[in-house]
N, C-alpha and C. Protein backbone atom coordinates (compact mmCIF):
# COMPACT_ATOMS: atom_id res chain seq x y z
N MET A 1 21.16 16.31 -26.58
CA MET A 1 21.34 17.68 -26.22
C MET A 1 21.95 17.82 -24.83
N PHE A 2 21.33 17.19 -23.84
CA PHE A 2 21.83 17.31 -22.47
C PHE A 2 23.16 16.57 -22.29
N LYS A 3 23.36 15.55 -23.09
CA LYS A 3 24.60 14.77 -22.99
C LYS A 3 25.82 15.67 -23.24
N HIS A 4 25.69 16.56 -24.16
CA HIS A 4 26.79 17.48 -24.47
C HIS A 4 27.10 18.38 -23.26
N TYR A 5 26.08 18.87 -22.60
CA TYR A 5 26.29 19.73 -21.43
C TYR A 5 26.89 18.95 -20.27
N PHE A 6 26.40 17.76 -20.04
CA PHE A 6 26.90 16.96 -18.90
C PHE A 6 28.34 16.49 -19.12
N GLU A 7 28.73 16.32 -20.35
CA GLU A 7 30.10 15.90 -20.61
C GLU A 7 31.11 16.98 -20.21
N GLN A 8 30.69 18.22 -20.20
CA GLN A 8 31.58 19.32 -19.89
C GLN A 8 31.62 19.65 -18.40
N VAL A 9 30.76 19.04 -17.59
CA VAL A 9 30.75 19.29 -16.15
C VAL A 9 31.88 18.51 -15.51
N HIS A 10 32.64 19.19 -14.66
CA HIS A 10 33.77 18.56 -13.97
C HIS A 10 33.26 17.57 -12.93
N ASN A 11 33.79 16.37 -12.88
CA ASN A 11 33.42 15.30 -11.93
C ASN A 11 31.93 14.95 -11.98
N VAL A 12 31.37 14.89 -13.17
CA VAL A 12 29.95 14.58 -13.31
C VAL A 12 29.64 13.15 -12.87
N ALA A 13 30.60 12.25 -12.87
CA ALA A 13 30.35 10.85 -12.50
C ALA A 13 30.08 10.68 -11.01
N ILE A 14 30.45 11.65 -10.18
CA ILE A 14 30.25 11.52 -8.74
C ILE A 14 28.80 11.79 -8.33
N TRP A 15 28.05 12.57 -9.12
CA TRP A 15 26.69 12.94 -8.74
C TRP A 15 25.72 11.75 -8.66
N PRO A 16 25.76 10.79 -9.56
CA PRO A 16 24.88 9.63 -9.37
C PRO A 16 25.22 8.83 -8.10
N ILE A 17 26.49 8.78 -7.76
CA ILE A 17 26.89 8.07 -6.54
C ILE A 17 26.38 8.80 -5.31
N ILE A 18 26.48 10.12 -5.31
CA ILE A 18 25.96 10.92 -4.19
C ILE A 18 24.45 10.76 -4.08
N SER A 19 23.76 10.80 -5.20
CA SER A 19 22.29 10.63 -5.20
C SER A 19 21.88 9.27 -4.64
N LEU A 20 22.56 8.23 -5.09
CA LEU A 20 22.25 6.88 -4.60
C LEU A 20 22.54 6.78 -3.10
N SER A 21 23.61 7.39 -2.66
CA SER A 21 23.96 7.35 -1.23
C SER A 21 22.90 8.04 -0.38
N ILE A 22 22.45 9.22 -0.80
CA ILE A 22 21.40 9.93 -0.06
C ILE A 22 20.13 9.11 -0.04
N PHE A 23 19.75 8.54 -1.17
CA PHE A 23 18.56 7.69 -1.26
C PHE A 23 18.67 6.50 -0.32
N PHE A 24 19.82 5.83 -0.33
CA PHE A 24 20.01 4.65 0.51
C PHE A 24 20.00 5.00 1.99
N VAL A 25 20.68 6.06 2.39
CA VAL A 25 20.73 6.46 3.80
C VAL A 25 19.35 6.87 4.29
N PHE A 26 18.59 7.60 3.49
CA PHE A 26 17.24 8.01 3.88
C PHE A 26 16.34 6.80 4.13
N PHE A 27 16.31 5.87 3.20
CA PHE A 27 15.42 4.72 3.36
C PHE A 27 15.94 3.73 4.41
N LEU A 28 17.22 3.65 4.61
CA LEU A 28 17.74 2.84 5.70
C LEU A 28 17.32 3.44 7.05
N GLY A 29 17.43 4.74 7.18
CA GLY A 29 16.98 5.41 8.40
C GLY A 29 15.49 5.25 8.61
N LEU A 30 14.72 5.33 7.55
CA LEU A 30 13.27 5.14 7.64
C LEU A 30 12.93 3.73 8.08
N MET A 31 13.63 2.74 7.56
CA MET A 31 13.38 1.35 7.96
C MET A 31 13.75 1.12 9.42
N ILE A 32 14.84 1.69 9.88
CA ILE A 32 15.22 1.57 11.30
C ILE A 32 14.16 2.21 12.18
N TYR A 33 13.64 3.37 11.78
CA TYR A 33 12.58 4.03 12.54
C TYR A 33 11.33 3.16 12.62
N VAL A 34 10.95 2.57 11.50
CA VAL A 34 9.74 1.73 11.47
C VAL A 34 9.92 0.49 12.33
N TRP A 35 11.11 -0.11 12.33
CA TRP A 35 11.32 -1.31 13.14
C TRP A 35 11.36 -0.99 14.63
N LYS A 36 11.80 0.19 15.01
CA LYS A 36 11.94 0.53 16.42
C LYS A 36 10.69 1.17 17.03
N ILE A 37 9.74 1.56 16.21
CA ILE A 37 8.55 2.21 16.73
C ILE A 37 7.71 1.20 17.52
N LYS A 38 7.10 1.68 18.58
CA LYS A 38 6.29 0.80 19.43
C LYS A 38 4.97 0.47 18.74
N LYS A 39 4.56 -0.79 18.86
CA LYS A 39 3.31 -1.22 18.23
C LYS A 39 2.11 -0.51 18.85
N SER A 40 2.18 -0.22 20.15
CA SER A 40 1.07 0.47 20.80
C SER A 40 0.88 1.88 20.23
N TYR A 41 1.98 2.54 19.88
CA TYR A 41 1.90 3.87 19.27
C TYR A 41 1.25 3.79 17.89
N VAL A 42 1.63 2.78 17.12
CA VAL A 42 1.06 2.60 15.78
C VAL A 42 -0.44 2.30 15.89
N ASP A 43 -0.82 1.47 16.84
CA ASP A 43 -2.24 1.16 17.04
C ASP A 43 -3.01 2.40 17.46
N GLN A 44 -2.43 3.21 18.35
CA GLN A 44 -3.08 4.42 18.83
C GLN A 44 -3.28 5.41 17.66
N MET A 45 -2.27 5.57 16.84
CA MET A 45 -2.38 6.48 15.70
C MET A 45 -3.37 5.95 14.67
N GLY A 46 -3.45 4.63 14.54
CA GLY A 46 -4.39 4.04 13.60
C GLY A 46 -5.83 4.20 14.03
N GLU A 47 -6.06 4.28 15.34
CA GLU A 47 -7.42 4.43 15.86
C GLU A 47 -7.90 5.88 15.84
N MET A 48 -7.00 6.83 15.73
CA MET A 48 -7.38 8.24 15.84
C MET A 48 -8.47 8.69 14.86
N PRO A 49 -8.41 8.32 13.60
CA PRO A 49 -9.47 8.80 12.70
C PRO A 49 -10.84 8.22 13.03
N LEU A 50 -10.88 7.12 13.76
CA LEU A 50 -12.15 6.45 14.04
C LEU A 50 -12.78 6.92 15.35
N LYS A 51 -12.00 7.58 16.20
CA LYS A 51 -12.51 8.02 17.50
C LYS A 51 -13.37 9.26 17.33
N ASP A 52 -14.34 9.39 18.25
CA ASP A 52 -15.19 10.57 18.27
C ASP A 52 -14.93 11.30 19.59
N ASP A 53 -13.77 11.90 19.70
CA ASP A 53 -13.39 12.61 20.92
C ASP A 53 -13.69 14.10 20.86
N SER A 54 -14.34 14.54 19.82
CA SER A 54 -14.60 15.97 19.69
C SER A 54 -15.67 16.38 20.71
N PRO A 55 -15.49 17.54 21.31
CA PRO A 55 -16.49 18.00 22.29
C PRO A 55 -17.78 18.36 21.57
N GLU A 56 -18.87 18.18 22.28
CA GLU A 56 -20.16 18.51 21.69
C GLU A 56 -20.28 20.02 21.55
N ILE A 57 -20.86 20.44 20.47
CA ILE A 57 -21.07 21.86 20.24
C ILE A 57 -22.42 22.22 20.83
N ARG A 58 -22.39 23.11 21.78
CA ARG A 58 -23.64 23.54 22.42
C ARG A 58 -23.99 24.91 21.89
N THR A 59 -25.16 25.03 21.41
CA THR A 59 -25.62 26.32 20.90
C THR A 59 -26.53 26.95 21.94
N HIS A 60 -26.30 28.20 22.17
CA HIS A 60 -27.14 28.96 23.10
C HIS A 60 -27.93 29.97 22.29
N SER A 61 -29.19 29.92 22.47
CA SER A 61 -30.00 30.90 21.77
C SER A 61 -30.03 32.19 22.57
N ILE A 62 -29.83 33.26 21.90
CA ILE A 62 -29.81 34.57 22.55
C ILE A 62 -31.11 35.28 22.16
N ASN A 63 -31.83 35.65 23.18
CA ASN A 63 -33.06 36.37 22.96
C ASN A 63 -32.79 37.84 23.20
N LEU A 64 -32.73 38.64 22.16
CA LEU A 64 -32.41 40.05 22.29
C LEU A 64 -33.61 40.91 22.60
N ASN A 65 -34.81 40.38 22.51
CA ASN A 65 -36.02 41.16 22.76
C ASN A 65 -36.28 41.35 24.24
N ASN A 66 -35.85 40.46 25.09
CA ASN A 66 -36.10 40.56 26.55
C ASN A 66 -34.83 41.02 27.24
N HIS A 67 -34.69 42.30 27.47
CA HIS A 67 -33.50 42.84 28.16
C HIS A 67 -33.75 42.93 29.63
């Protein structure tokens, strides 16, 4: 069914090449980013979920009877 529709599209053979090119450029850029990232930054980001840097929540009781 779809084959019939795609056969009538002008220059349909170029779209797989464009798709592959976008895919390749994206992952090549991603690999360059991963290789250039500093190891200290990766270690710091990896430690973030394990740190307990949240401030303590202090509750204050309010006594409304003594004005």
